[in-house]
PDB file of N, CA and C in Angstrom:
ATOM      1  N   MET A   1       8.123   9.247  -3.664  1.00  0.00           N
ATOM      2  CA  MET A   1       6.948   8.908  -4.388  1.00  0.00           C
ATOM      3  C   MET A   1       6.323   7.653  -3.773  1.00  0.00           C
ATOM      4  N   THR A   2       5.025   7.612  -3.652  1.00  0.00           N
ATOM      5  CA  THR A   2       4.300   6.483  -3.064  1.00  0.00           C
ATOM      6  C   THR A   2       4.215   5.341  -4.054  1.00  0.00           C
ATOM      7  N   GLU A   3       4.571   4.169  -3.563  1.00  0.00           N
ATOM      8  CA  GLU A   3       4.473   2.962  -4.391  1.00  0.00           C
ATOM      9  C   GLU A   3       3.037   2.562  -4.614  1.00  0.00           C
ATOM     10  N   THR A   4       2.677   2.153  -5.809  1.00  0.00           N
ATOM     11  CA  THR A   4       1.325   1.672  -6.080  1.00  0.00           C
ATOM     12  C   THR A   4       1.328   0.140  -6.099  1.00  0.00           C
ATOM     13  N   HIS A   5       0.175  -0.407  -5.855  1.00  0.00           N
ATOM     14  CA  HIS A   5       0.067  -1.893  -5.749  1.00  0.00           C
ATOM     15  C   HIS A   5      -1.078  -2.359  -6.576  1.00  0.00           C
ATOM     16  N   LYS A   6      -0.937  -3.538  -7.154  1.00  0.00           N
ATOM     17  CA  LYS A   6      -1.996  -4.176  -7.942  1.00  0.00           C
ATOM     18  C   LYS A   6      -2.688  -5.217  -7.058  1.00  0.00           C
ATOM     19  N   ILE A   7      -3.882  -4.860  -6.577  1.00  0.00           N
ATOM     20  CA  ILE A   7      -4.619  -5.804  -5.771  1.00  0.00           C
ATOM     21  C   ILE A   7      -5.575  -6.596  -6.702  1.00  0.00           C
ATOM     22  N   ASP A   8      -5.490  -7.902  -6.635  1.00  0.00           N
ATOM     23  CA  ASP A   8      -6.322  -8.724  -7.468  1.00  0.00           C
ATOM     24  C   ASP A   8      -7.683  -8.975  -6.870  1.00  0.00           C
ATOM     25  N   ALA A   9      -7.740  -9.071  -5.488  1.00  0.00           N
ATOM     26  CA  ALA A   9      -9.007  -9.244  -4.825  1.00  0.00           C
ATOM     27  C   ALA A   9      -8.823  -8.941  -3.345  1.00  0.00           C
ATOM     28  N   ILE A  10      -9.956  -8.741  -2.661  1.00  0.00           N
ATOM     29  CA  ILE A  10      -9.950  -8.519  -1.216  1.00  0.00           C
ATOM     30  C   ILE A  10     -11.025  -9.455  -0.658  1.00  0.00           C
ATOM     31  N   THR A  11     -10.671 -10.254   0.332  1.00  0.00           N
ATOM     32  CA  THR A  11     -11.637 -11.150   0.996  1.00  0.00           C
ATOM     33  C   THR A  11     -11.541 -10.870   2.517  1.00  0.00           C
ATOM     34  N   PHE A  12     -12.547 -11.401   3.179  1.00  0.00           N
ATOM     35  CA  PHE A  12     -12.658 -11.175   4.630  1.00  0.00           C
ATOM     36  C   PHE A  12     -13.035 -12.447   5.355  1.00  0.00           C
ATOM     37  N   ASP A  13     -12.685 -12.530   6.589  1.00  0.00           N
ATOM     38  CA  ASP A  13     -13.351 -13.451   7.535  1.00  0.00           C
ATOM     39  C   ASP A  13     -13.743 -12.566   8.727  1.00  0.00           C
ATOM     40  N   LYS A  14     -14.103 -13.145   9.811  1.00  0.00           N
ATOM     41  CA  LYS A  14     -14.651 -12.374  10.888  1.00  0.00           C
ATOM     42  C   LYS A  14     -13.728 -11.202  11.347  1.00  0.00           C
ATOM     43  N   ASP A  15     -12.459 -11.510  11.533  1.00  0.00           N
ATOM     44  CA  ASP A  15     -11.538 -10.470  12.065  1.00  0.00           C
ATOM     45  C   ASP A  15     -10.426 -10.048  11.188  1.00  0.00           C
ATOM     46  N   PHE A  16     -10.346 -10.575   9.980  1.00  0.00           N
ATOM     47  CA  PHE A  16      -9.244 -10.243   9.089  1.00  0.00           C
ATOM     48  C   PHE A  16      -9.702  -9.866   7.689  1.00  0.00           C
ATOM     49  N   MET A  17      -8.895  -9.028   7.061  1.00  0.00           N
ATOM     50  CA  MET A  17      -9.045  -8.690   5.644  1.00  0.00           C
ATOM     51  C   MET A  17      -7.827  -9.349   4.987  1.00  0.00           C
ATOM     52  N   TYR A  18      -8.071  -9.952   3.797  1.00  0.00           N
ATOM     53  CA  TYR A  18      -6.990 -10.573   3.058  1.00  0.00           C
ATOM     54  C   TYR A  18      -6.837  -9.857   1.705  1.00  0.00           C
ATOM     55  N   LEU A  19      -5.652  -9.308   1.504  1.00  0.00           N
ATOM     56  CA  LEU A  19      -5.334  -8.663   0.229  1.00  0.00           C
ATOM     57  C   LEU A  19      -4.606  -9.659  -0.633  1.00  0.00           C
ATOM     58  N   HIS A  20      -5.226  -9.976  -1.782  1.00  0.00           N
ATOM     59  CA  HIS A  20      -4.620 -10.913  -2.694  1.00  0.00           C
ATOM     60  C   HIS A  20      -3.913 -10.117  -3.798  1.00  0.00           C
ATOM     61  N   MET A  21      -2.566 -10.209  -3.795  1.00  0.00           N
ATOM     62  CA  MET A  21      -1.812  -9.402  -4.711  1.00  0.00           C
ATOM     63  C   MET A  21      -0.508 -10.100  -5.126  1.00  0.00           C
ATOM     64  N   ALA A  22      -0.267 -10.133  -6.415  1.00  0.00           N
ATOM     65  CA  ALA A  22       1.002 -10.691  -6.960  1.00  0.00           C
ATOM     66  C   ALA A  22       1.259 -12.093  -6.432  1.00  0.00           C
ATOM     67  N   GLY A  23       0.228 -12.943  -6.427  1.00  0.00           N
ATOM     68  CA  GLY A  23       0.390 -14.303  -5.986  1.00  0.00           C
ATOM     69  C   GLY A  23       0.490 -14.508  -4.477  1.00  0.00           C
ATOM     70  N   GLU A  24       0.402 -13.462  -3.734  1.00  0.00           N
ATOM     71  CA  GLU A  24       0.478 -13.556  -2.259  1.00  0.00           C
ATOM     72  C   GLU A  24      -0.865 -13.172  -1.643  1.00  0.00           C
ATOM     73  N   THR A  25      -1.061 -13.668  -0.432  1.00  0.00           N
ATOM     74  CA  THR A  25      -2.192 -13.233   0.361  1.00  0.00           C
ATOM     75  C   THR A  25      -1.670 -12.590   1.624  1.00  0.00           C
ATOM     76  N   ILE A  26      -2.059 -11.356   1.825  1.00  0.00           N
ATOM     77  CA  ILE A  26      -1.613 -10.565   2.989  1.00  0.00           C
ATOM     78  C   ILE A  26      -2.809 -10.472   3.989  1.00  0.00           C
ATOM     79  N   ALA A  27      -2.583 -10.919   5.212  1.00  0.00           N
ATOM     80  CA  ALA A  27      -3.619 -10.817   6.266  1.00  0.00           C
ATOM     81  C   ALA A  27      -3.454  -9.556   7.065  1.00  0.00           C
ATOM     82  N   VAL A  28      -4.540  -8.814   7.236  1.00  0.00           N
ATOM     83  CA  VAL A  28      -4.561  -7.569   7.977  1.00  0.00           C
ATOM     84  C   VAL A  28      -5.658  -7.662   9.042  1.00  0.00           C
ATOM     85  N   GLU A  29      -5.322  -7.529  10.308  1.00  0.00           N
ATOM     86  CA  GLU A  29      -6.320  -7.574  11.349  1.00  0.00           C
ATOM     87  C   GLU A  29      -7.169  -6.316  11.280  1.00  0.00           C
ATOM     88  N   LEU A  30      -8.488  -6.514  11.133  1.00  0.00           N
ATOM     89  CA  LEU A  30      -9.421  -5.389  10.981  1.00  0.00           C
ATOM     90  C   LEU A  30      -9.365  -4.428  12.144  1.00  0.00           C
ATOM     91  N   ALA A  31      -9.291  -4.888  13.339  1.00  0.00           N
ATOM     92  CA  ALA A  31      -9.279  -4.041  14.526  1.00  0.00           C
ATOM     93  C   ALA A  31      -8.110  -3.042  14.517  1.00  0.00           C
ATOM     94  N   SER A  32      -7.005  -3.440  13.828  1.00  0.00           N
ATOM     95  CA  SER A  32      -5.831  -2.576  13.818  1.00  0.00           C
ATOM     96  C   SER A  32      -5.918  -1.455  12.742  1.00  0.00           C
ATOM     97  N   VAL A  33      -6.879  -1.588  11.794  1.00  0.00           N
ATOM     98  CA  VAL A  33      -6.934  -0.599  10.735  1.00  0.00           C
ATOM     99  C   VAL A  33      -8.252   0.111  10.557  1.00  0.00           C
ATOM    100  N   SER A  34      -9.391  -0.513  10.965  1.00  0.00           N
ATOM    101  CA  SER A  34     -10.654   0.116  10.724  1.00  0.00           C
ATOM    102  C   SER A  34     -11.814  -0.514  11.548  1.00  0.00           C
ATOM    103  N   ASN A  35     -12.342   0.267  12.468  1.00  0.00           N
ATOM    104  CA  ASN A  35     -13.526  -0.211  13.239  1.00  0.00           C
ATOM    105  C   ASN A  35     -14.726  -0.263  12.329  1.00  0.00           C
ATOM    106  N   LYS A  36     -14.807   0.610  11.321  1.00  0.00           N
ATOM    107  CA  LYS A  36     -15.932   0.558  10.395  1.00  0.00           C
ATOM    108  C   LYS A  36     -15.953  -0.789   9.640  1.00  0.00           C
ATOM    109  N   LEU A  37     -14.838  -1.217   9.160  1.00  0.00           N
ATOM    110  CA  LEU A  37     -14.805  -2.531   8.452  1.00  0.00           C
ATOM    111  C   LEU A  37     -14.989  -3.685   9.423  1.00  0.00           C
ATOM    112  N   LYS A  38     -14.459  -3.556  10.594  1.00  0.00           N
ATOM    113  CA  LYS A  38     -14.633  -4.622  11.579  1.00  0.00           C
ATOM    114  C   LYS A  38     -16.089  -4.814  11.915  1.00  0.00           C
ATOM    115  N   ASN A  39     -16.887  -3.738  11.977  1.00  0.00           N
ATOM    116  CA  ASN A  39     -18.284  -3.811  12.335  1.00  0.00           C
ATOM    117  C   ASN A  39     -19.236  -3.973  11.118  1.00  0.00           C
ATOM    118  N   ALA A  40     -18.641  -3.936   9.910  1.00  0.00           N
ATOM    119  CA  ALA A  40     -19.478  -3.998   8.693  1.00  0.00           C
ATOM    120  C   ALA A  40     -19.968  -5.396   8.457  1.00  0.00           C
ATOM    121  N   ASP A  41     -21.075  -5.481   7.734  1.00  0.00           N
ATOM    122  CA  ASP A  41     -21.589  -6.803   7.337  1.00  0.00           C
ATOM    123  C   ASP A  41     -20.902  -7.250   6.061  1.00  0.00           C
ATOM    124  N   ASP A  42     -21.194  -8.449   5.609  1.00  0.00           N
ATOM    125  CA  ASP A  42     -20.575  -9.034   4.415  1.00  0.00           C
ATOM    126  C   ASP A  42     -20.809  -8.204   3.147  1.00  0.00           C
ATOM    127  N   ILE A  43     -22.040  -7.701   3.015  1.00  0.00           N
ATOM    128  CA  ILE A  43     -22.331  -6.872   1.814  1.00  0.00           C
ATOM    129  C   ILE A  43     -21.542  -5.596   1.871  1.00  0.00           C
ATOM    130  N   GLN A  44     -21.506  -4.905   2.989  1.00  0.00           N
ATOM    131  CA  GLN A  44     -20.740  -3.647   3.108  1.00  0.00           C
ATOM    132  C   GLN A  44     -19.269  -3.868   2.826  1.00  0.00           C
ATOM    133  N   ARG A  45     -18.705  -4.969   3.288  1.00  0.00           N
ATOM    134  CA  ARG A  45     -17.326  -5.282   3.072  1.00  0.00           C
ATOM    135  C   ARG A  45     -17.050  -5.613   1.572  1.00  0.00           C
ATOM    136  N   SER A  46     -17.959  -6.287   0.943  1.00  0.00           N
ATOM    137  CA  SER A  46     -17.706  -6.793  -0.383  1.00  0.00           C
ATOM    138  C   SER A  46     -17.811  -5.735  -1.455  1.00  0.00           C
ATOM    139  N   LEU A  47     -18.450  -4.585  -1.167  1.00  0.00           N
ATOM    140  CA  LEU A  47     -18.547  -3.501  -2.137  1.00  0.00           C
ATOM    141  C   LEU A  47     -17.442  -2.492  -1.915  1.00  0.00           C
ATOM    142  N   TYR A  48     -16.376  -2.619  -2.672  1.00  0.00           N
ATOM    143  CA  TYR A  48     -15.247  -1.718  -2.545  1.00  0.00           C
ATOM    144  C   TYR A  48     -14.773  -1.319  -3.897  1.00  0.00           C
ATOM    145  N   ARG A  49     -14.012  -0.227  -3.926  1.00  0.00           N
ATOM    146  CA  ARG A  49     -13.398   0.230  -5.188  1.00  0.00           C
ATOM    147  C   ARG A  49     -11.890   0.499  -4.897  1.00  0.00           C
ATOM    148  N   ILE A  50     -11.107  -0.041  -5.741  1.00  0.00           N
ATOM    149  CA  ILE A  50      -9.660   0.231  -5.678  1.00  0.00           C
ATOM    150  C   ILE A  50      -9.395   1.417  -6.550  1.00  0.00           C
ATOM    151  N   SER A  51      -8.640   2.381  -6.072  1.00  0.00           N
ATOM    152  CA  SER A  51      -8.387   3.574  -6.895  1.00  0.00           C
ATOM    153  C   SER A  51      -7.590   3.208  -8.125  1.00  0.00           C
ATOM    154  N   PRO A  52      -7.780   3.915  -9.207  1.00  0.00           N
ATOM    155  CA  PRO A  52      -7.051   3.594 -10.469  1.00  0.00           C
ATOM    156  C   PRO A  52      -5.509   3.542 -10.238  1.00  0.00           C
ATOM    157  N   SER A  53      -5.045   4.345  -9.366  1.00  0.00           N
ATOM    158  CA  SER A  53      -3.612   4.394  -9.133  1.00  0.00           C
ATOM    159  C   SER A  53      -3.105   3.193  -8.310  1.00  0.00           C
ATOM    160  N   GLY A  54      -4.058   2.493  -7.675  1.00  0.00           N
ATOM    161  CA  GLY A  54      -3.687   1.393  -6.779  1.00  0.00           C
ATOM    162  C   GLY A  54      -3.284   1.878  -5.377  1.00  0.00           C
ATOM    163  N   TYR A  55      -3.444   3.129  -5.125  1.00  0.00           N
ATOM    164  CA  TYR A  55      -2.978   3.708  -3.831  1.00  0.00           C
ATOM    165  C   TYR A  55      -3.954   3.447  -2.707  1.00  0.00           C
ATOM    166  N   GLY A  56      -5.278   3.467  -2.955  1.00  0.00           N
ATOM    167  CA  GLY A  56      -6.258   3.363  -1.913  1.00  0.00           C
ATOM    168  C   GLY A  56      -7.441   2.464  -2.258  1.00  0.00           C
ATOM    169  N   ILE A  57      -8.214   2.183  -1.216  1.00  0.00           N
ATOM    170  CA  ILE A  57      -9.443   1.374  -1.358  1.00  0.00           C
ATOM    171  C   ILE A  57     -10.592   2.155  -0.692  1.00  0.00           C
ATOM    172  N   HIS A  58     -11.738   2.171  -1.311  1.00  0.00           N
ATOM    173  CA  HIS A  58     -12.888   2.906  -0.775  1.00  0.00           C
ATOM    174  C   HIS A  58     -14.060   1.943  -0.709  1.00  0.00           C
ATOM    175  N   TRP A  59     -14.753   1.950   0.475  1.00  0.00           N
ATOM    176  CA  TRP A  59     -15.964   1.218   0.765  1.00  0.00           C
ATOM    177  C   TRP A  59     -17.116   2.217   0.854  1.00  0.00           C
ATOM    178  N   PRO A  60     -17.885   2.382  -0.226  1.00  0.00           N
ATOM    179  CA  PRO A  60     -18.905   3.479  -0.258  1.00  0.00           C
ATOM    180  C   PRO A  60     -20.051   3.250   0.748  1.00  0.00           C
ATOM    181  N   LEU A  61     -20.421   2.032   1.057  1.00  0.00           N
ATOM    182  CA  LEU A  61     -21.559   1.813   1.960  1.00  0.00           C
ATOM    183  C   LEU A  61     -21.267   2.204   3.399  1.00  0.00           C
ATOM    184  N   ILE A  62     -19.979   2.242   3.753  1.00  0.00           N
ATOM    185  CA  ILE A  62     -19.632   2.641   5.154  1.00  0.00           C
ATOM    186  C   ILE A  62     -18.735   3.873   5.114  1.00  0.00           C
ATOM    187  N   ASP A  63     -18.537   4.476   3.943  1.00  0.00           N
ATOM    188  CA  ASP A  63     -17.733   5.677   3.811  1.00  0.00           C
ATOM    189  C   ASP A  63     -16.370   5.567   4.427  1.00  0.00           C
ATOM    190  N   GLU A  64     -15.668   4.499   4.025  1.00  0.00           N
ATOM    191  CA  GLU A  64     -14.327   4.257   4.580  1.00  0.00           C
ATOM    192  C   GLU A  64     -13.290   4.272   3.428  1.00  0.00           C
ATOM    193  N   ASP A  65     -12.181   4.884   3.679  1.00  0.00           N
ATOM    194  CA  ASP A  65     -11.057   4.968   2.731  1.00  0.00           C
ATOM    195  C   ASP A  65      -9.831   4.541   3.460  1.00  0.00           C
ATOM    196  N   LEU A  66      -9.043   3.606   2.871  1.00  0.00           N
ATOM    197  CA  LEU A  66      -7.772   3.175   3.477  1.00  0.00           C
ATOM    198  C   LEU A  66      -6.740   3.138   2.386  1.00  0.00           C
ATOM    199  N   SER A  67      -5.521   3.532   2.740  1.00  0.00           N
ATOM    200  CA  SER A  67      -4.430   3.447   1.768  1.00  0.00           C
ATOM    201  C   SER A  67      -3.842   2.033   1.866  1.00  0.00           C
ATOM    202  N   VAL A  68      -3.348   1.548   0.735  1.00  0.00           N
ATOM    203  CA  VAL A  68      -2.724   0.218   0.724  1.00  0.00           C
ATOM    204  C   VAL A  68      -1.472   0.252   1.557  1.00  0.00           C
ATOM    205  N   GLU A  69      -0.756   1.341   1.573  1.00  0.00           N
ATOM    206  CA  GLU A  69       0.457   1.444   2.381  1.00  0.00           C
ATOM    207  C   GLU A  69       0.132   1.279   3.889  1.00  0.00           C
ATOM    208  N   LEU A  70      -0.937   1.862   4.313  1.00  0.00           N
ATOM    209  CA  LEU A  70      -1.363   1.657   5.731  1.00  0.00           C
ATOM    210  C   LEU A  70      -1.617   0.213   5.994  1.00  0.00           C
ATOM    211  N   LEU A  71      -2.338  -0.441   5.075  1.00  0.00           N
ATOM    212  CA  LEU A  71      -2.689  -1.865   5.256  1.00  0.00           C
ATOM    213  C   LEU A  71      -1.437  -2.721   5.273  1.00  0.00           C
ATOM    214  N   LEU A  72      -0.492  -2.450   4.431  1.00  0.00           N
ATOM    215  CA  LEU A  72       0.724  -3.254   4.398  1.00  0.00           C
ATOM    216  C   LEU A  72       1.549  -3.062   5.659  1.00  0.00           C
ATOM    217  N   LYS A  73       1.472  -1.885   6.246  1.00  0.00           N
ATOM    218  CA  LYS A  73       2.182  -1.657   7.552  1.00  0.00           C
ATOM    219  C   LYS A  73       1.578  -2.400   8.684  1.00  0.00           C
ATOM    220  N   ALA A  74       0.286  -2.776   8.520  1.00  0.00           N
ATOM    221  CA  ALA A  74      -0.414  -3.475   9.593  1.00  0.00           C
ATOM    222  C   ALA A  74      -0.491  -4.987   9.332  1.00  0.00           C
ATOM    223  N   VAL A  75       0.378  -5.520   8.503  1.00  0.00           N
ATOM    224  CA  VAL A  75       0.332  -6.937   8.151  1.00  0.00           C
ATOM    225  C   VAL A  75       0.448  -7.799   9.418  1.00  0.00           C
ATOM    226  N   HIS A  76      -0.366  -8.788   9.472  1.00  0.00           N
ATOM    227  CA  HIS A  76      -0.428  -9.755  10.584  1.00  0.00           C
ATOM    228  C   HIS A  76       0.494 -10.877  10.294  1.00  0.00           C
ATOM    229  N   PRO A  77       1.118 -11.485  11.340  1.00  0.00           N
ATOM    230  CA  PRO A  77       1.961 -12.633  11.116  1.00  0.00           C
ATOM    231  C   PRO A  77       1.307 -13.815  10.404  1.00  0.00           C
ATOM    232  N   ARG A  78      -0.021 -13.877  10.373  1.00  0.00           N
ATOM    233  CA  ARG A  78      -0.724 -14.988   9.678  1.00  0.00           C
ATOM    234  C   ARG A  78      -0.608 -14.893   8.172  1.00  0.00           C
ATOM    235  N   SER A  79      -0.054 -13.774   7.656  1.00  0.00           N
ATOM    236  CA  SER A  79       0.060 -13.636   6.209  1.00  0.00           C
ATOM    237  C   SER A  79       0.803 -14.802   5.638  1.00  0.00           C
ATOM    238  N   GLN A  80       0.288 -15.258   4.471  1.00  0.00           N
ATOM    239  CA  GLN A  80       0.832 -16.419   3.865  1.00  0.00           C
ATOM    240  C   GLN A  80       0.440 -16.478   2.404  1.00  0.00           C
ATOM    241  N   ASN A  81       1.057 -17.323   1.656  1.00  0.00           N
ATOM    242  CA  ASN A  81       0.635 -17.606   0.312  1.00  0.00           C
ATOM    243  C   ASN A  81      -0.518 -18.573   0.398  1.00  0.00           C
ATOM    244  N   ARG A  82      -1.709 -18.151  -0.083  1.00  0.00           N
ATOM    245  CA  ARG A  82      -2.931 -18.990   0.030  1.00  0.00           C
ATOM    246  C   ARG A  82      -3.529 -19.133  -1.319  1.00  0.00           C
TER     247      ARG A  82
END
C-alpha cells in the first residue's frame, strides 16, 4: 500500500521545490523531477492542488502531476528543518 503524506505547503526558489510537511522542509531539485516546473513562472508554480489522499500534486496551469513518493525519492542533501 502506498503511504500518504500531509503536505502543509509547497514553496519554490529558482531551482528547488520545498515540501513543508510534519515540521520538516524537504528540498527537491526541480531539474531532477520536472522540466515543466523548472521552466514555470511563479504563478504557474503557486497554483497547485494536493490530492485528497495526499498521494499526488497537480499543477493545472502547466498540466503536471507528480507523486509525493517520487518527490521524496529525489530529496536533495540541502533538505533541512526550516
